[in-house]
Structures are given as C-alpha cells and as structure tokens.
Amino acid sequence: MIEQCPRCHLRFDRLPGHILGSIAMNTILSFGVMAIALVWSLVEAHPNFDRTRLLLINIPVAITAPVLFLPLSKTIWSAVELLGRPLAEGEVLAQYAPDDPRTSKSPTTDASKKAT
C-alpha cells in the first residue's frame, strides 16, 4: 500500500505504532469472514461432516482473507484515528485541510456587523 494519499498527501502511518491498529482491524475483519465461512460450510455439510471438505473451504479463506483485507483495514484504522486525533496543521495540503470553526465567519455574523 502507498505511504500517503496521492491527492491530499495525508500520511497513512501518522504516528509510530500505527500499524498495530490496522493489524487489529485486519484481524477483526479476517476472523469475521472466517467465522462466516465456517458457519456456512458447516450448514452446507450438515448432516455429513466431511473434514476434508470443511478444510478445503476454510483453509483458503483463512489464508486469503488477511491478505485481501490489509488495505481496507489500514483505511478503516486511519479513519478511526482521524476521529480520535484530528488533523494537525500541515498534515495535508492546505486546500484539503478542514476549516477551523474558530476562524471561519458565519453569514449571520457578517450581516449583523453590516447592519450596525
């Protein structure tokens, strides 16, 4: 995966240890998919539980799910981290930086100043 967004230049690894959160997200997503695959294969195999068939279905899911979900888990973790620790000045290009509510002027404030 790329290190920063090509559009706004946000670094995906904002702090040391960022990878741990994305690994946790990857684990959660992968285990969820593996649990769904296991339940589905058990329902399909009922009442004859053939171990070979169960393994042939679930081992490829267990191997491919973490690899396929890695980019998605990094993106989800970056979003979670942005909710917890908003952008600092200079982390993204100025045109993509959020407006500071303390410095933005509301239309009602401007209109009331003109009226007086």
Protein backbone atom coordinates (compact mmCIF):
# COMPACT_ATOMS: atom_id res chain seq x y z
CA MET A 1 0.00 0.00 0.00
CA ILE A 2 1.16 3.52 -0.69
CA GLU A 3 2.50 5.59 2.19
CA GLN A 4 0.43 8.72 1.62
CA CYS A 5 -2.69 9.78 -0.21
CA PRO A 6 -1.84 10.90 -3.75
CA ARG A 7 -4.46 13.67 -3.61
CA CYS A 8 -4.15 15.32 -0.18
CA HIS A 9 -0.76 13.89 0.92
CA LEU A 10 -2.07 12.54 4.23
CA ARG A 11 0.40 10.01 5.60
CA PHE A 12 -1.40 6.77 6.47
CA ASP A 13 1.11 5.98 9.24
CA ARG A 14 0.68 9.20 11.20
CA LEU A 15 2.35 8.03 14.41
CA PRO A 16 4.80 5.28 15.36
CA GLY A 17 2.82 2.14 16.11
CA HIS A 18 0.01 2.98 13.69
CA ILE A 19 0.41 -0.42 12.09
CA LEU A 20 -0.79 -2.12 15.28
CA GLY A 21 -4.25 -0.61 14.93
CA SER A 22 -4.53 -1.65 11.31
CA ILE A 23 -3.37 -5.18 12.21
CA ALA A 24 -6.11 -5.29 14.85
CA MET A 25 -8.69 -4.16 12.25
CA ASN A 26 -7.36 -6.77 9.84
CA THR A 27 -7.67 -9.48 12.49
CA ILE A 28 -11.25 -8.49 13.30
CA LEU A 29 -12.30 -8.43 9.63
CA SER A 30 -10.49 -11.67 8.82
CA PHE A 31 -11.91 -13.55 11.79
CA GLY A 32 -15.37 -12.31 10.90
CA VAL A 33 -15.07 -13.63 7.35
CA MET A 34 -13.57 -16.91 8.60
CA ALA A 35 -16.42 -17.34 11.08
CA ILE A 36 -18.98 -16.76 8.33
CA ALA A 37 -17.18 -19.24 6.06
CA LEU A 38 -17.02 -21.82 8.85
CA VAL A 39 -20.72 -21.50 9.70
CA TRP A 40 -21.67 -21.61 6.03
CA SER A 41 -19.55 -24.70 5.39
CA LEU A 42 -20.98 -26.45 8.47
CA VAL A 43 -24.53 -25.68 7.35
CA GLU A 44 -23.75 -26.93 3.85
CA ALA A 45 -22.11 -30.10 5.16
CA HIS A 46 -24.90 -30.99 7.60
CA PRO A 47 -25.54 -33.85 8.47
CA ASN A 48 -22.42 -35.44 6.91
CA PHE A 49 -19.46 -33.53 8.29
CA ASP A 50 -16.61 -34.38 5.95
CA ARG A 51 -13.40 -32.93 7.38
CA THR A 52 -11.70 -32.77 4.01
CA ARG A 53 -14.47 -30.65 2.52
CA LEU A 54 -14.55 -28.35 5.54
CA LEU A 55 -10.77 -27.88 5.34
CA LEU A 56 -10.85 -27.29 1.58
CA ILE A 57 -13.33 -24.48 2.08
CA ASN A 58 -11.93 -22.85 5.21
CA ILE A 59 -8.14 -23.02 4.76
CA PRO A 60 -8.12 -20.88 1.58
CA VAL A 61 -10.39 -18.36 3.31
CA ALA A 62 -8.06 -18.27 6.32
CA ILE A 63 -5.05 -17.67 4.06
CA THR A 64 -6.51 -15.12 1.65
CA ALA A 65 -8.74 -13.04 3.96
CA PRO A 66 -5.90 -11.29 5.85
CA VAL A 67 -4.09 -10.50 2.61
CA LEU A 68 -7.19 -9.15 0.89
CA PHE A 69 -8.31 -7.06 3.86
CA LEU A 70 -4.96 -5.40 4.61
CA PRO A 71 -5.54 -2.25 2.50
CA LEU A 72 -9.12 -1.96 3.76
CA SER A 73 -8.05 -2.38 7.38
CA LYS A 74 -5.40 0.34 7.02
CA THR A 75 -8.02 2.68 5.59
CA ILE A 76 -10.53 1.90 8.35
CA TRP A 77 -7.91 2.40 11.04
CA SER A 78 -6.82 5.71 9.52
CA ALA A 79 -10.45 6.87 9.67
CA VAL A 80 -10.77 5.74 13.31
CA GLU A 81 -7.54 7.53 14.16
CA LEU A 82 -8.72 10.72 12.43
CA LEU A 83 -11.84 10.65 14.60
CA GLY A 84 -9.73 10.31 17.73
CA ARG A 85 -6.90 12.64 16.77
CA PRO A 86 -7.91 15.31 14.24
CA LEU A 87 -5.52 16.61 11.64
CA ALA A 88 -2.75 18.90 12.74
CA GLU A 89 -1.72 21.86 10.64
CA GLY A 90 0.41 20.79 7.70
CA GLU A 91 -0.57 17.11 7.68
CA VAL A 92 -2.49 17.57 4.43
CA LEU A 93 -2.36 20.09 1.61
CA ALA A 94 -3.98 23.39 2.58
CA GLN A 95 -6.87 23.01 0.13
CA TYR A 96 -7.92 19.75 1.84
CA ALA A 97 -7.46 20.94 5.41
CA PRO A 98 -10.66 21.22 7.44
CA ASP A 99 -11.93 24.70 8.23
CA ASP A 100 -11.16 25.92 11.71
CA PRO A 101 -14.51 26.79 13.32
CA ARG A 102 -12.82 29.46 15.46
CA THR A 103 -11.65 31.42 12.41
CA SER A 104 -14.50 30.83 9.97
CA LYS A 105 -17.06 33.58 9.70
CA SER A 106 -20.74 32.74 9.71
CA PRO A 107 -23.09 34.66 7.38
CA THR A 108 -25.20 35.89 10.29
CA THR A 109 -22.17 37.44 11.98
CA ASP A 110 -21.20 39.31 8.83
CA ALA A 111 -24.76 40.54 8.24
CA SER A 112 -25.13 41.81 11.81
CA LYS A 113 -21.86 43.76 11.53
CA LYS A 114 -23.03 45.46 8.31
CA ALA A 115 -26.36 46.39 9.86
CA THR A 116 -24.76 48.32 12.72
